[in-house]
Amino acid sequence: MNIADAVREAMNTGACITLPEFVGLAKIRPTDGPGNCILSEWDGSRPSKYGWQPIASQLTREDWIIVTD
């Protein structure tokens, strides 16, 4: 799924997004809040302080996955 669709679905359901190689390791909680999109370990620990800062190749991928907490 492209990132725009993944983020919309995650925002509507309160879920997170990730990529196949990060399943079980890391996830991203999309937010419009001051924390931006929060990258954390799979269990929700160690949330990023400055938000997720993607690179272009991550934004153009078509294999984003929705994950629930």
N, C-alpha and C. Protein backbone atom coordinates (compact mmCIF):
# COMPACT_ATOMS: atom_id res chain seq x y z
N MET A 1 0.85 -1.16 0.00
CA MET A 1 0.00 0.00 0.00
C MET A 1 0.90 1.23 0.00
N ASN A 2 0.49 2.29 -0.69
CA ASN A 2 1.31 3.50 -0.68
C ASN A 2 1.17 4.21 0.66
N ILE A 3 2.09 5.09 0.96
CA ILE A 3 2.15 5.70 2.29
C ILE A 3 0.94 6.60 2.57
N ALA A 4 0.41 7.27 1.55
CA ALA A 4 -0.74 8.15 1.78
C ALA A 4 -1.95 7.33 2.25
N ASP A 5 -2.21 6.21 1.58
CA ASP A 5 -3.32 5.34 1.98
C ASP A 5 -3.07 4.71 3.34
N ALA A 6 -1.84 4.30 3.59
CA ALA A 6 -1.49 3.68 4.88
C ALA A 6 -1.68 4.66 6.02
N VAL A 7 -1.24 5.89 5.83
CA VAL A 7 -1.38 6.91 6.88
C VAL A 7 -2.84 7.22 7.13
N ARG A 8 -3.63 7.40 6.07
CA ARG A 8 -5.06 7.66 6.23
C ARG A 8 -5.74 6.57 7.04
N GLU A 9 -5.48 5.32 6.69
CA GLU A 9 -6.10 4.20 7.39
C GLU A 9 -5.63 4.14 8.85
N ALA A 10 -4.34 4.32 9.07
CA ALA A 10 -3.81 4.30 10.44
C ALA A 10 -4.40 5.42 11.28
N MET A 11 -4.53 6.60 10.71
CA MET A 11 -5.11 7.73 11.45
C MET A 11 -6.58 7.47 11.79
N ASN A 12 -7.31 6.86 10.87
CA ASN A 12 -8.73 6.58 11.10
C ASN A 12 -8.96 5.50 12.14
N THR A 13 -8.00 4.60 12.30
CA THR A 13 -8.19 3.47 13.21
C THR A 13 -7.31 3.53 14.44
N GLY A 14 -6.42 4.52 14.53
CA GLY A 14 -5.52 4.61 15.67
C GLY A 14 -4.37 3.61 15.61
N ALA A 15 -4.07 3.12 14.41
CA ALA A 15 -3.02 2.12 14.23
C ALA A 15 -1.69 2.79 13.89
N CYS A 16 -0.71 1.97 13.61
CA CYS A 16 0.62 2.42 13.19
C CYS A 16 0.89 1.87 11.81
N ILE A 17 2.00 2.28 11.22
CA ILE A 17 2.44 1.75 9.93
C ILE A 17 3.87 1.24 10.06
N THR A 18 4.24 0.36 9.16
CA THR A 18 5.61 -0.14 9.12
C THR A 18 5.90 -0.68 7.73
N LEU A 19 7.09 -1.11 7.52
CA LEU A 19 7.51 -1.75 6.28
C LEU A 19 7.82 -3.21 6.57
N PRO A 20 7.74 -4.08 5.56
CA PRO A 20 7.92 -5.51 5.79
C PRO A 20 9.18 -5.88 6.58
N GLU A 21 10.30 -5.23 6.29
CA GLU A 21 11.54 -5.62 6.98
C GLU A 21 11.59 -5.16 8.43
N PHE A 22 10.64 -4.32 8.86
CA PHE A 22 10.62 -3.84 10.23
C PHE A 22 9.52 -4.46 11.09
N VAL A 23 8.73 -5.38 10.52
CA VAL A 23 7.68 -6.05 11.30
C VAL A 23 8.33 -6.73 12.50
N GLY A 24 7.79 -6.46 13.67
CA GLY A 24 8.34 -7.03 14.89
C GLY A 24 9.47 -6.22 15.50
N LEU A 25 9.93 -5.20 14.79
CA LEU A 25 11.07 -4.38 15.25
C LEU A 25 10.69 -2.93 15.52
N ALA A 26 10.07 -2.28 14.54
CA ALA A 26 9.76 -0.85 14.67
C ALA A 26 8.46 -0.53 13.96
N LYS A 27 7.81 0.55 14.43
CA LYS A 27 6.58 1.01 13.81
C LYS A 27 6.50 2.52 13.94
N ILE A 28 5.64 3.13 13.13
CA ILE A 28 5.48 4.57 13.09
C ILE A 28 4.02 4.91 13.37
N ARG A 29 3.81 5.83 14.33
CA ARG A 29 2.47 6.31 14.61
C ARG A 29 2.32 7.66 13.91
N PRO A 30 1.50 7.71 12.83
CA PRO A 30 1.28 8.98 12.16
C PRO A 30 0.49 9.92 13.08
N THR A 31 0.89 11.17 13.14
CA THR A 31 0.20 12.17 13.96
C THR A 31 0.41 13.55 13.38
N ASP A 32 -0.54 14.43 13.62
CA ASP A 32 -0.38 15.84 13.26
C ASP A 32 0.04 16.65 14.47
N GLY A 33 0.32 15.97 15.57
CA GLY A 33 0.68 16.64 16.81
C GLY A 33 2.12 17.12 16.82
N PRO A 34 2.51 17.72 17.92
CA PRO A 34 3.86 18.29 18.01
C PRO A 34 4.98 17.25 17.93
N GLY A 35 4.68 15.98 18.16
CA GLY A 35 5.70 14.95 18.06
C GLY A 35 5.90 14.43 16.65
N ASN A 36 5.16 15.00 15.69
CA ASN A 36 5.19 14.55 14.30
C ASN A 36 4.83 13.08 14.22
N CYS A 37 5.39 12.36 13.29
CA CYS A 37 5.17 10.92 13.20
C CYS A 37 6.18 10.24 14.12
N ILE A 38 5.68 9.48 15.06
CA ILE A 38 6.53 8.95 16.13
C ILE A 38 7.00 7.54 15.79
N LEU A 39 8.30 7.39 15.68
CA LEU A 39 8.93 6.10 15.45
C LEU A 39 9.22 5.47 16.81
N SER A 40 8.84 4.20 16.98
CA SER A 40 9.13 3.52 18.25
C SER A 40 9.47 2.07 17.99
N GLU A 41 9.96 1.42 19.03
CA GLU A 41 10.18 -0.02 18.95
C GLU A 41 8.81 -0.69 18.84
N TRP A 42 8.79 -1.95 18.47
CA TRP A 42 7.55 -2.66 18.23
C TRP A 42 6.61 -2.64 19.44
N ASP A 43 7.19 -2.69 20.64
CA ASP A 43 6.36 -2.70 21.86
C ASP A 43 5.96 -1.30 22.30
N GLY A 44 6.29 -0.28 21.50
CA GLY A 44 5.94 1.09 21.82
C GLY A 44 6.99 1.82 22.64
N SER A 45 8.03 1.12 23.03
CA SER A 45 9.07 1.76 23.84
C SER A 45 10.00 2.59 22.97
N ARG A 46 10.75 3.44 23.64
CA ARG A 46 11.77 4.29 23.02
C ARG A 46 11.22 5.14 21.87
N PRO A 47 10.13 5.89 22.10
CA PRO A 47 9.62 6.75 21.02
C PRO A 47 10.64 7.81 20.64
N SER A 48 10.68 8.14 19.38
CA SER A 48 11.63 9.14 18.89
C SER A 48 11.32 10.51 19.49
N LYS A 49 12.36 11.27 19.76
CA LYS A 49 12.19 12.60 20.34
C LYS A 49 11.81 13.64 19.30
N TYR A 50 12.30 13.48 18.10
CA TYR A 50 12.13 14.50 17.07
C TYR A 50 11.24 14.05 15.92
N GLY A 51 10.57 12.93 16.07
CA GLY A 51 9.72 12.44 15.01
C GLY A 51 10.51 11.71 13.93
N TRP A 52 9.80 11.04 13.10
CA TRP A 52 10.38 10.27 12.02
C TRP A 52 10.78 11.21 10.89
N GLN A 53 11.96 11.04 10.36
CA GLN A 53 12.43 11.86 9.26
C GLN A 53 12.74 10.95 8.08
N PRO A 54 11.73 10.72 7.24
CA PRO A 54 11.89 9.76 6.14
C PRO A 54 12.79 10.28 5.03
N ILE A 55 13.31 9.31 4.29
CA ILE A 55 14.05 9.64 3.07
C ILE A 55 13.10 9.39 1.89
N ALA A 56 13.41 9.94 0.75
CA ALA A 56 12.54 9.86 -0.41
C ALA A 56 12.17 8.43 -0.79
N SER A 57 13.13 7.53 -0.74
CA SER A 57 12.84 6.15 -1.15
C SER A 57 11.82 5.48 -0.21
N GLN A 58 11.76 5.91 1.05
CA GLN A 58 10.74 5.37 1.95
C GLN A 58 9.36 5.92 1.59
N LEU A 59 9.30 7.16 1.21
CA LEU A 59 8.02 7.79 0.88
C LEU A 59 7.41 7.26 -0.41
N THR A 60 8.22 6.74 -1.30
CA THR A 60 7.70 6.26 -2.58
C THR A 60 7.45 4.76 -2.61
N ARG A 61 7.73 4.07 -1.52
CA ARG A 61 7.50 2.62 -1.49
C ARG A 61 6.01 2.31 -1.56
N GLU A 62 5.69 1.14 -2.04
CA GLU A 62 4.30 0.71 -2.19
C GLU A 62 3.97 -0.48 -1.29
N ASP A 63 4.84 -0.77 -0.31
CA ASP A 63 4.62 -1.96 0.52
C ASP A 63 4.44 -1.62 1.99
N TRP A 64 3.87 -0.43 2.30
CA TRP A 64 3.57 -0.07 3.67
C TRP A 64 2.48 -0.96 4.23
N ILE A 65 2.58 -1.27 5.51
CA ILE A 65 1.66 -2.19 6.20
C ILE A 65 1.05 -1.47 7.39
N ILE A 66 -0.24 -1.71 7.64
CA ILE A 66 -0.93 -1.21 8.82
C ILE A 66 -0.73 -2.23 9.93
N VAL A 67 -0.37 -1.76 11.13
CA VAL A 67 -0.20 -2.66 12.29
C VAL A 67 -0.97 -2.09 13.46
N THR A 68 -1.61 -2.95 14.22
CA THR A 68 -2.34 -2.50 15.40
C THR A 68 -1.46 -2.70 16.61
N ASP A 69 -1.73 -1.93 17.64
CA ASP A 69 -0.95 -2.02 18.88
C ASP A 69 -1.17 -3.34 19.58
